Amino acid sequence: MPVPKPTDPKAAHPPETGKPEGRKPWKKKSPVEVVLEQAGKLKAEIAEMEEEIKAKRKQLQKFEEAKKIFEAI
């Protein structure tokens, strides 16, 4: 037989300890701040993609060297 769930709404949520958990309070940003933040995110994303490209180029170079070895046989 299934156990009935408590219907008390206070029991469903943990009591507040004075410090809000999870979300930070919303802070309105100026259009300049939004654009600067987006530019920073794009720079970080580009840097990450460049690192991935470097790794793939290195892997491609290894495969091309292996190809030369197989063609020499």
C-alpha atoms as a PDB file:
ATOM      1  CA  MET A   1       0.000   0.000   0.000  1.00  0.00           C
ATOM      2  CA  PRO A   2       1.524   3.393  -0.999  1.00  0.00           C
ATOM      3  CA  VAL A   3       2.473   5.845   1.701  1.00  0.00           C
ATOM      4  CA  PRO A   4       0.406   9.069   1.504  1.00  0.00           C
ATOM      5  CA  LYS A   5       2.365  12.255   0.880  1.00  0.00           C
ATOM      6  CA  PRO A   6       2.195  15.026   3.467  1.00  0.00           C
ATOM      7  CA  THR A   7      -0.082  17.884   2.407  1.00  0.00           C
ATOM      8  CA  ASP A   8       1.460  20.464   4.734  1.00  0.00           C
ATOM      9  CA  PRO A   9       3.126  23.109   2.459  1.00  0.00           C
ATOM     10  CA  LYS A  10       5.654  24.073   5.152  1.00  0.00           C
ATOM     11  CA  ALA A  11       6.912  20.492   5.352  1.00  0.00           C
ATOM     12  CA  ALA A  12       7.713  20.472   1.619  1.00  0.00           C
ATOM     13  CA  HIS A  13      10.274  23.299   1.846  1.00  0.00           C
ATOM     14  CA  PRO A  14      13.255  23.461   4.209  1.00  0.00           C
ATOM     15  CA  PRO A  15      13.130  26.320   6.711  1.00  0.00           C
ATOM     16  CA  GLU A  16      14.922  29.552   5.819  1.00  0.00           C
ATOM     17  CA  THR A  17      18.206  30.005   7.687  1.00  0.00           C
ATOM     18  CA  GLY A  18      18.413  33.721   6.977  1.00  0.00           C
ATOM     19  CA  LYS A  19      20.592  33.213   3.897  1.00  0.00           C
ATOM     20  CA  PRO A  20      18.821  32.596   0.568  1.00  0.00           C
ATOM     21  CA  GLU A  21      20.038  29.503  -1.229  1.00  0.00           C
ATOM     22  CA  GLY A  22      20.295  29.088  -4.964  1.00  0.00           C
ATOM     23  CA  ARG A  23      19.578  32.273  -6.887  1.00  0.00           C
ATOM     24  CA  LYS A  24      21.289  35.570  -6.304  1.00  0.00           C
ATOM     25  CA  PRO A  25      19.223  38.747  -6.111  1.00  0.00           C
ATOM     26  CA  TRP A  26      18.647  40.300  -9.534  1.00  0.00           C
ATOM     27  CA  LYS A  27      20.875  43.247 -10.349  1.00  0.00           C
ATOM     28  CA  LYS A  28      19.870  45.452 -13.259  1.00  0.00           C
ATOM     29  CA  LYS A  29      22.669  45.946 -15.768  1.00  0.00           C
ATOM     30  CA  SER A  30      23.187  48.885 -18.061  1.00  0.00           C
ATOM     31  CA  PRO A  31      23.364  48.239 -21.821  1.00  0.00           C
ATOM     32  CA  VAL A  32      27.116  48.900 -21.676  1.00  0.00           C
ATOM     33  CA  GLU A  33      27.593  46.232 -19.008  1.00  0.00           C
ATOM     34  CA  VAL A  34      25.545  43.755 -21.044  1.00  0.00           C
ATOM     35  CA  VAL A  35      27.612  44.354 -24.188  1.00  0.00           C
ATOM     36  CA  LEU A  36      30.903  44.116 -22.275  1.00  0.00           C
ATOM     37  CA  GLU A  37      29.781  40.882 -20.623  1.00  0.00           C
ATOM     38  CA  GLN A  38      28.772  39.387 -23.980  1.00  0.00           C
ATOM     39  CA  ALA A  39      32.100  40.435 -25.505  1.00  0.00           C
ATOM     40  CA  GLY A  40      33.946  38.729 -22.660  1.00  0.00           C
ATOM     41  CA  LYS A  41      31.930  35.547 -23.124  1.00  0.00           C
ATOM     42  CA  LEU A  42      32.653  35.549 -26.854  1.00  0.00           C
ATOM     43  CA  LYS A  43      36.387  36.038 -26.257  1.00  0.00           C
ATOM     44  CA  ALA A  44      36.408  33.104 -23.850  1.00  0.00           C
ATOM     45  CA  GLU A  45      34.458  30.952 -26.316  1.00  0.00           C
ATOM     46  CA  ILE A  46      36.840  31.859 -29.160  1.00  0.00           C
ATOM     47  CA  ALA A  47      39.881  31.038 -27.018  1.00  0.00           C
ATOM     48  CA  GLU A  48      38.363  27.652 -26.161  1.00  0.00           C
ATOM     49  CA  MET A  49      37.628  26.912 -29.821  1.00  0.00           C
ATOM     50  CA  GLU A  50      41.173  27.912 -30.811  1.00  0.00           C
ATOM     51  CA  GLU A  51      42.556  25.410 -28.304  1.00  0.00           C
ATOM     52  CA  GLU A  52      40.319  22.715 -29.806  1.00  0.00           C
ATOM     53  CA  ILE A  53      41.535  23.632 -33.310  1.00  0.00           C
ATOM     54  CA  LYS A  54      45.174  23.393 -32.187  1.00  0.00           C
ATOM     55  CA  ALA A  55      44.548  19.932 -30.752  1.00  0.00           C
ATOM     56  CA  LYS A  56      42.805  18.785 -33.940  1.00  0.00           C
ATOM     57  CA  ARG A  57      45.611  20.147 -36.133  1.00  0.00           C
ATOM     58  CA  LYS A  58      48.135  18.259 -34.015  1.00  0.00           C
ATOM     59  CA  GLN A  59      46.070  15.076 -34.387  1.00  0.00           C
ATOM     60  CA  LEU A  60      45.778  15.640 -38.147  1.00  0.00           C
ATOM     61  CA  GLN A  61      49.541  16.049 -38.409  1.00  0.00           C
ATOM     62  CA  LYS A  62      50.026  12.683 -36.679  1.00  0.00           C
ATOM     63  CA  PHE A  63      47.573  11.026 -39.068  1.00  0.00           C
ATOM     64  CA  GLU A  64      49.352  12.543 -42.079  1.00  0.00           C
ATOM     65  CA  GLU A  65      52.677  11.204 -40.805  1.00  0.00           C
ATOM     66  CA  ALA A  66      51.095   7.751 -40.400  1.00  0.00           C
ATOM     67  CA  LYS A  67      49.678   8.052 -43.928  1.00  0.00           C
ATOM     68  CA  LYS A  68      53.182   8.739 -45.299  1.00  0.00           C
ATOM     69  CA  ILE A  69      54.504   5.672 -43.497  1.00  0.00           C
ATOM     70  CA  PHE A  70      51.737   3.465 -44.943  1.00  0.00           C
ATOM     71  CA  GLU A  71      52.276   4.870 -48.438  1.00  0.00           C
ATOM     72  CA  ALA A  72      56.005   4.127 -48.186  1.00  0.00           C
ATOM     73  CA  ILE A  73      55.316   0.439 -47.567  1.00  0.00           C
END
